[in-house]
Amino acid sequence: MGLIWWILPAIAAVIGLMLLFAGFGKLAKLKAGSGAFRLTFGVAFLALAGVVAFAGLNLQTYQRLTKERYAANIKFEAVEGEENAYVLDLTFSDGRKLLEENGAQPILRGNEFEIGAQVIKFKPMANMLGYDSIYRLDFIEGRLSRRFTPEAVTEATTNGIALAANPGFDVHRMAQEQGGRFGIDAQYGSATYQPMGDGFEYVVNISQDALIARPSEATKVLIQKQRYPGYSSTQESSQ
């Protein structure tokens, strides 16, 4: 689909140039009427080529800067007999599962989870040329959503697990220190949080600069039921 935005203006430009040269040829033969006619249409086609080209560039720029890539899938299952405790089923984009050293799935406690990543971002022009941001999922943690008070600074605990280990050469740190010279921005990370609950499932995507955790349609209904007891979806109501 992207090529059409280059093919159309190229065709219009070729037609416009042909008409311009034909118009100049007519003027050179002292045929003012037909020469002016061809020149007018030649300029019109060139203008059309420019408009289509700029529109295509704008559209492709938007698509590049808003591009999202799949990063992980997250599911939760309640731990029987324990409140606010959930078995975490996390699948990375390459199909790997997150497991503890003993091979068991981790357990997160709380009613909310947060997942974070280190992000190395390229400048917008580099994105347009095909250089997508680079990321590494860093951690996932469980916590209570109402763990602070508005009256004073309070302490709170979280529980979680690291999703990556530094293999030795820290690319992210190098990008932070030297990346500015090459149009690279690695001065920040990105994190997103959502409610935890039994049967909740999320798809985590990474845009050019941020993580996004989107609940499945079934999870949206479960969240609404959790917030508003008695809630029923349109589909449930029609059944």
Protein backbone atom coordinates (compact mmCIF):
# COMPACT_ATOMS: atom_id res chain seq x y z
CA MET A 1 0.00 0.00 0.00
CA GLY A 2 2.90 2.38 0.76
CA LEU A 3 4.28 2.22 -2.81
CA ILE A 4 1.10 3.68 -4.26
CA TRP A 5 1.95 7.00 -2.60
CA TRP A 6 5.15 7.12 -4.64
CA ILE A 7 3.80 5.63 -7.89
CA LEU A 8 0.87 8.08 -8.23
CA PRO A 9 2.91 11.28 -7.84
CA ALA A 10 5.62 9.86 -10.11
CA ILE A 11 3.05 9.25 -12.89
CA ALA A 12 1.53 12.71 -12.38
CA ALA A 13 4.98 14.31 -12.44
CA VAL A 14 5.93 12.52 -15.68
CA ILE A 15 2.67 13.62 -17.34
CA GLY A 16 3.21 17.16 -16.08
CA LEU A 17 6.76 17.33 -17.43
CA MET A 18 5.66 15.93 -20.79
CA LEU A 19 2.95 18.58 -21.04
CA LEU A 20 5.38 21.31 -20.02
CA PHE A 21 7.92 20.34 -22.66
CA ALA A 22 5.13 20.04 -25.23
CA GLY A 23 3.88 23.49 -24.23
CA PHE A 24 7.32 25.05 -24.56
CA GLY A 25 7.66 23.35 -27.93
CA LYS A 26 4.39 24.88 -29.13
CA LEU A 27 5.43 28.31 -27.86
CA ALA A 28 8.72 27.97 -29.69
CA LYS A 29 6.69 27.40 -32.89
CA LEU A 30 4.67 30.56 -32.07
CA LYS A 31 1.54 28.59 -31.31
CA ALA A 32 0.53 30.55 -28.21
CA GLY A 33 -2.94 29.03 -27.68
CA SER A 34 -2.02 25.36 -27.69
CA GLY A 35 1.28 26.10 -25.92
CA ALA A 36 -0.44 27.93 -23.05
CA PHE A 37 -3.01 25.13 -22.81
CA ARG A 38 -0.32 22.46 -22.41
CA LEU A 39 1.69 24.60 -19.98
CA THR A 40 -1.37 25.11 -17.79
CA PHE A 41 -2.15 21.40 -17.60
CA GLY A 42 1.55 20.59 -17.11
CA VAL A 43 1.75 22.89 -14.08
CA ALA A 44 -1.52 21.41 -12.75
CA PHE A 45 -0.18 17.86 -12.98
CA LEU A 46 3.08 18.84 -11.28
CA ALA A 47 1.10 20.52 -8.49
CA LEU A 48 -1.02 17.37 -8.15
CA ALA A 49 2.13 15.27 -7.93
CA GLY A 50 3.42 17.47 -5.14
CA VAL A 51 0.17 17.31 -3.17
CA VAL A 52 -0.05 13.51 -3.45
CA ALA A 53 3.63 13.11 -2.54
CA PHE A 54 3.29 15.28 0.56
CA ALA A 55 0.10 13.48 1.58
CA GLY A 56 1.81 10.12 1.17
CA LEU A 57 4.85 11.24 3.14
CA ASN A 58 2.62 12.54 5.94
CA LEU A 59 0.66 9.29 6.07
CA GLN A 60 3.76 7.11 6.07
CA THR A 61 5.33 9.31 8.74
CA TYR A 62 2.27 8.87 10.94
CA GLN A 63 2.28 5.11 10.38
CA ARG A 64 5.96 4.84 11.23
CA LEU A 65 5.78 6.98 14.38
CA THR A 66 2.68 5.15 15.67
CA LYS A 67 3.86 1.66 14.75
CA GLU A 68 3.37 -0.93 17.49
CA ARG A 69 5.09 -4.29 17.89
CA TYR A 70 4.03 -7.28 19.97
CA ALA A 71 6.14 -7.62 23.13
CA ALA A 72 4.41 -10.10 25.44
CA ASN A 73 1.20 -11.82 26.50
CA ILE A 74 0.22 -11.85 30.19
CA LYS A 75 -2.36 -14.04 31.95
CA PHE A 76 -3.27 -14.33 35.62
CA GLU A 77 -4.82 -17.19 37.59
CA ALA A 78 -5.88 -16.80 41.21
CA VAL A 79 -3.98 -18.77 43.85
CA GLU A 80 -6.51 -20.93 45.65
CA GLY A 81 -7.09 -19.93 49.26
CA GLU A 82 -4.99 -16.75 49.09
CA GLU A 83 -6.39 -13.28 48.55
CA ASN A 84 -4.77 -10.97 45.97
CA ALA A 85 -2.29 -13.62 44.83
CA TYR A 86 -2.04 -14.65 41.17
CA VAL A 87 0.01 -17.13 39.18
CA LEU A 88 1.69 -15.20 36.36
CA ASP A 89 1.73 -16.72 32.88
CA LEU A 90 3.97 -14.42 30.81
CA THR A 91 4.92 -15.30 27.24
CA PHE A 92 7.55 -13.17 25.49
CA SER A 93 7.31 -12.21 21.82
CA ASP A 94 9.74 -14.98 20.88
CA GLY A 95 7.57 -17.64 22.55
CA ARG A 96 9.63 -18.02 25.73
CA LYS A 97 7.81 -18.42 29.05
CA LEU A 98 8.80 -16.60 32.23
CA LEU A 99 9.71 -19.23 34.84
CA GLU A 100 11.53 -19.18 38.16
CA GLU A 101 14.78 -21.11 38.65
CA ASN A 102 12.87 -24.15 39.89
CA GLY A 103 10.71 -24.16 36.75
CA ALA A 104 7.58 -22.85 38.47
CA GLN A 105 5.54 -19.90 37.29
CA PRO A 106 5.99 -16.77 39.44
CA ILE A 107 3.28 -15.52 41.81
CA LEU A 108 2.48 -11.81 42.02
CA ARG A 109 0.61 -10.32 44.97
CA GLY A 110 -1.65 -7.30 44.91
CA ASN A 111 -4.53 -6.12 42.74
CA GLU A 112 -2.46 -4.35 40.12
CA PHE A 113 0.62 -5.16 38.06
CA GLU A 114 3.20 -3.00 36.34
CA ILE A 115 5.56 -4.01 33.56
CA GLY A 116 8.51 -1.85 32.53
CA ALA A 117 11.12 -1.76 29.81
CA GLN A 118 14.34 -0.03 28.89
CA VAL A 119 13.90 1.81 25.60
CA ILE A 120 16.45 3.06 23.09
CA LYS A 121 14.65 5.46 20.78
CA PHE A 122 15.80 6.93 17.48
CA LYS A 123 14.93 10.40 16.24
CA PRO A 124 11.70 10.71 14.17
CA MET A 125 13.59 11.00 10.87
CA ALA A 126 15.40 7.74 11.63
CA ASN A 127 12.03 6.12 12.43
CA MET A 128 10.74 7.22 9.03
CA LEU A 129 13.76 5.58 7.39
CA GLY A 130 12.95 2.26 9.06
CA TYR A 131 14.88 2.38 12.34
CA ASP A 132 12.44 1.22 15.02
CA SER A 133 13.08 1.78 18.70
CA ILE A 134 14.90 -0.98 20.58
CA TYR A 135 13.52 -2.24 23.87
CA ARG A 136 14.19 -4.80 26.56
CA LEU A 137 11.48 -5.80 29.03
CA ASP A 138 12.99 -5.01 32.43
CA PHE A 139 10.61 -6.06 35.21
CA ILE A 140 7.07 -7.00 36.20
CA GLU A 141 5.73 -6.40 39.67
CA GLY A 142 2.55 -6.76 41.72
CA ARG A 143 1.26 -4.11 44.11
CA LEU A 144 -1.82 -2.70 45.79
CA SER A 145 -3.43 0.13 43.85
CA ARG A 146 -4.33 2.12 47.00
CA ARG A 147 -0.98 1.92 48.74
CA PHE A 148 -0.41 5.64 49.24
CA THR A 149 -2.32 8.38 51.02
CA PRO A 150 -2.79 12.00 49.87
CA GLU A 151 -1.94 13.41 53.29
CA ALA A 152 1.72 12.42 53.60
CA VAL A 153 4.59 10.52 52.02
CA THR A 154 4.12 6.86 52.92
CA GLU A 155 6.05 3.67 52.40
CA ALA A 156 4.77 0.77 50.32
CA THR A 157 6.05 -2.59 49.25
CA THR A 158 5.89 -4.27 45.87
CA ASN A 159 6.84 -7.74 44.72
CA GLY A 160 8.10 -8.75 41.34
CA ILE A 161 10.68 -10.36 39.16
CA ALA A 162 13.38 -9.12 36.79
CA LEU A 163 12.74 -9.97 33.14
CA ALA A 164 16.29 -9.47 31.87
CA ALA A 165 19.84 -9.80 33.10
CA ASN A 166 22.72 -7.62 31.98
CA PRO A 167 24.89 -9.89 29.79
CA GLY A 168 28.03 -7.86 30.49
CA PHE A 169 28.25 -5.13 27.87
CA ASP A 170 25.48 -2.67 28.80
CA VAL A 171 24.17 -1.36 25.47
CA HIS A 172 21.54 0.79 27.19
CA ARG A 173 24.12 2.55 29.34
CA MET A 174 26.36 3.12 26.31
CA ALA A 175 23.39 4.61 24.44
CA GLN A 176 22.65 6.89 27.40
CA GLU A 177 26.23 8.16 27.48
CA GLN A 178 27.01 8.41 23.77
CA GLY A 179 23.71 8.12 21.93
CA GLY A 180 23.03 11.85 21.74
CA ARG A 181 25.84 12.21 19.22
CA PHE A 182 24.07 9.87 16.82
CA GLY A 183 20.43 10.89 17.24
CA ILE A 184 19.69 8.17 19.81
CA ASP A 185 17.60 8.81 22.94
CA ALA A 186 18.02 6.34 25.80
CA GLN A 187 17.48 8.66 28.75
CA TYR A 188 14.29 7.01 29.96
CA GLY A 189 12.36 3.81 30.36
CA SER A 190 8.69 3.07 29.88
CA ALA A 191 6.15 1.27 32.06
CA THR A 192 2.43 0.52 32.04
CA TYR A 193 0.11 -0.80 34.72
CA GLN A 194 -3.28 -2.54 34.78
CA PRO A 195 -5.51 -4.40 37.26
CA MET A 196 -4.77 -8.01 38.20
CA GLY A 197 -7.54 -10.55 38.57
CA ASP A 198 -8.44 -14.18 38.07
CA GLY A 199 -8.59 -14.94 34.33
CA PHE A 200 -7.33 -11.51 33.30
CA GLU A 201 -5.31 -11.44 30.07
CA TYR A 202 -3.32 -8.63 28.44
CA VAL A 203 -1.38 -8.13 25.22
CA VAL A 204 1.65 -5.89 25.71
CA ASN A 205 2.84 -3.90 22.71
CA ILE A 206 5.72 -1.45 22.31
CA SER A 207 5.33 1.71 20.23
CA GLN A 208 8.30 3.81 19.20
CA ASP A 209 8.57 5.12 22.77
CA ALA A 210 6.10 3.45 25.14
CA LEU A 211 4.75 0.15 26.43
CA ILE A 212 0.99 -0.42 26.11
CA ALA A 213 -0.90 -3.21 27.92
CA ARG A 214 -4.34 -3.83 26.40
CA PRO A 215 -6.87 -6.15 28.05
CA SER A 216 -8.66 -8.78 26.01
CA GLU A 217 -12.39 -8.28 25.39
CA ALA A 218 -13.21 -10.88 28.06
CA THR A 219 -10.91 -9.11 30.51
CA LYS A 220 -12.62 -5.78 29.88
CA VAL A 221 -15.89 -7.36 31.02
CA LEU A 222 -14.22 -8.86 34.10
CA ILE A 223 -12.73 -5.47 35.01
CA GLN A 224 -16.11 -3.80 34.71
CA LYS A 225 -17.69 -6.49 36.89
CA GLN A 226 -14.92 -6.01 39.44
CA ARG A 227 -15.47 -2.25 39.57
CA TYR A 228 -19.26 -2.33 39.29
CA PRO A 229 -20.85 -5.44 40.84
CA GLY A 230 -23.89 -6.51 38.84
CA TYR A 231 -22.46 -5.22 35.56
CA SER A 232 -23.29 -7.31 32.50
CA SER A 233 -22.01 -6.83 28.95
CA THR A 234 -24.27 -6.30 25.93
CA GLN A 235 -23.57 -9.83 24.75
CA GLU A 236 -24.49 -11.32 28.13
CA SER A 237 -27.67 -9.26 28.28
CA SER A 238 -28.80 -10.50 24.86
CA GLN A 239 -28.35 -14.15 25.79
